[in-house]
Amino acid sequence: MLGRRNFGSKDELATALADAVAGHLRAAIAARGQASLAVSGGTTPALFFRILGGHQDVAWEHVVVTLVDERWVDETSERSNGRLVKADLLQGPAAAARFVPLYSGGEAPDTEALA
């Protein structure tokens, strides 16, 4: 078990987290040929997303990114977590990743399709 770590700034925290996640992505790709990354939306992880997305040492074309939460709004909405992930994470090298959104259109989720 890892002990508590303190960081001097948000940048240091975001960089350490991005480096750790990039390492896990590389390991998964090496072991299985692909990796999945499920992230929370919102503005809180934006700095982490930007740093992670800049990692050139990840074979992003072998990474699938999805969300763990989403508001039921189109990606053009300011409230869309998918929009934020695309704007902050899926840029630069990470643009090669495949994004699987949760929102699929319509007024509400298709409960028959979910079943």
Protein backbone atom coordinates (compact mmCIF):
# COMPACT_ATOMS: atom_id res chain seq x y z
CA MET A 1 0.00 0.00 0.00
CA LEU A 2 1.26 3.44 -0.86
CA GLY A 3 1.57 6.02 1.84
CA ARG A 4 0.17 9.51 1.72
CA ARG A 5 1.83 11.86 -0.76
CA ASN A 6 1.77 15.63 -0.52
CA PHE A 7 2.15 17.90 -3.50
CA GLY A 8 3.28 21.50 -3.53
CA SER A 9 0.87 22.55 -6.25
CA LYS A 10 -2.01 21.43 -8.44
CA ASP A 11 0.46 21.16 -11.34
CA GLU A 12 2.64 18.71 -9.41
CA LEU A 13 -0.40 16.62 -8.46
CA ALA A 14 -1.78 16.58 -12.02
CA THR A 15 1.63 15.68 -13.45
CA ALA A 16 2.17 12.83 -10.99
CA LEU A 17 -1.30 11.44 -11.68
CA ALA A 18 -0.87 11.78 -15.47
CA ASP A 19 2.50 10.04 -15.33
CA ALA A 20 1.03 7.18 -13.27
CA VAL A 21 -1.98 6.74 -15.56
CA ALA A 22 0.25 6.88 -18.65
CA GLY A 23 2.35 4.12 -17.11
CA HIS A 24 -0.75 1.97 -16.57
CA LEU A 25 -1.89 2.60 -20.14
CA ARG A 26 1.52 1.60 -21.52
CA ALA A 27 1.54 -1.56 -19.38
CA ALA A 28 -1.96 -2.55 -20.52
CA ILE A 29 -1.05 -2.00 -24.16
CA ALA A 30 2.12 -4.06 -23.74
CA ALA A 31 0.19 -6.88 -22.04
CA ARG A 32 -3.02 -6.91 -24.08
CA GLY A 33 -2.45 -4.75 -27.14
CA GLN A 34 -5.00 -2.20 -25.95
CA ALA A 35 -6.08 -0.17 -22.95
CA SER A 36 -9.29 1.37 -21.66
CA LEU A 37 -9.57 4.59 -19.70
CA ALA A 38 -12.82 5.60 -17.98
CA VAL A 39 -12.77 9.12 -16.59
CA SER A 40 -15.02 11.48 -14.67
CA GLY A 41 -16.13 14.61 -16.40
CA GLY A 42 -16.38 18.14 -15.16
CA THR A 43 -13.80 20.86 -14.92
CA THR A 44 -11.86 19.42 -11.96
CA PRO A 45 -9.74 16.94 -14.00
CA ALA A 46 -9.02 19.41 -16.85
CA LEU A 47 -5.36 20.03 -15.93
CA PHE A 48 -4.74 16.30 -15.46
CA PHE A 49 -6.41 15.64 -18.84
CA ARG A 50 -4.23 18.19 -20.63
CA ILE A 51 -1.03 16.75 -19.16
CA LEU A 52 -2.03 13.13 -19.78
CA GLY A 53 -3.13 13.89 -23.34
CA GLY A 54 0.31 15.31 -24.06
CA HIS A 55 2.07 12.02 -23.26
CA GLN A 56 3.79 11.01 -26.47
CA ASP A 57 4.99 7.77 -24.86
CA VAL A 58 1.48 6.25 -24.96
CA ALA A 59 0.31 4.44 -28.12
CA TRP A 60 -2.99 6.36 -28.06
CA GLU A 61 -4.31 4.58 -31.14
CA HIS A 62 -4.66 1.52 -28.87
CA VAL A 63 -6.60 3.37 -26.14
CA VAL A 64 -10.38 3.57 -25.76
CA VAL A 65 -11.65 6.44 -23.58
CA THR A 66 -15.11 6.66 -22.07
CA LEU A 67 -16.87 8.46 -19.25
CA VAL A 68 -18.08 7.22 -15.89
CA ASP A 69 -20.68 9.98 -15.71
CA GLU A 70 -22.50 12.26 -18.12
CA ARG A 71 -25.37 14.69 -18.21
CA TRP A 72 -27.94 13.71 -20.84
CA VAL A 73 -27.06 16.60 -23.17
CA ASP A 74 -25.52 16.86 -26.62
CA GLU A 75 -21.75 17.38 -26.82
CA THR A 76 -22.35 20.92 -28.06
CA SER A 77 -23.71 21.80 -24.61
CA GLU A 78 -21.46 23.57 -22.11
CA ARG A 79 -22.69 20.97 -19.58
CA SER A 80 -21.45 17.97 -21.58
CA ASN A 81 -18.69 15.95 -19.97
CA GLY A 82 -17.97 14.40 -23.37
CA ARG A 83 -17.28 17.88 -24.73
CA LEU A 84 -14.86 18.58 -21.88
CA VAL A 85 -13.00 15.28 -22.40
CA LYS A 86 -12.65 16.02 -26.11
CA ALA A 87 -11.47 19.57 -25.42
CA ASP A 88 -9.01 18.77 -22.62
CA LEU A 89 -7.85 15.15 -23.01
CA LEU A 90 -8.29 14.15 -26.64
CA GLN A 91 -5.88 16.71 -28.05
CA GLY A 92 -2.29 16.39 -29.27
CA PRO A 93 -1.03 12.80 -29.10
CA ALA A 94 -4.22 11.62 -27.34
CA ALA A 95 -6.34 12.67 -30.33
CA ALA A 96 -5.53 9.22 -31.75
CA ALA A 97 -7.54 7.52 -28.97
CA ARG A 98 -11.07 6.28 -29.65
CA PHE A 99 -13.76 8.01 -27.60
CA VAL A 100 -16.95 6.13 -26.67
CA PRO A 101 -19.46 8.67 -25.32
CA LEU A 102 -22.33 7.83 -23.00
CA TYR A 103 -24.80 10.26 -24.60
CA SER A 104 -26.47 8.76 -27.66
CA GLY A 105 -29.09 11.37 -28.47
CA GLY A 106 -32.77 11.73 -27.77
CA GLU A 107 -34.66 13.10 -24.82
CA ALA A 108 -33.63 10.26 -22.49
CA PRO A 109 -31.52 7.10 -22.54
CA ASP A 110 -33.00 4.23 -24.54
CA THR A 111 -33.94 1.81 -21.76
CA GLU A 112 -34.56 -1.04 -24.24
CA ALA A 113 -31.06 -0.65 -25.66
CA LEU A 114 -29.60 -0.58 -22.14
CA ALA A 115 -31.35 -3.84 -21.26
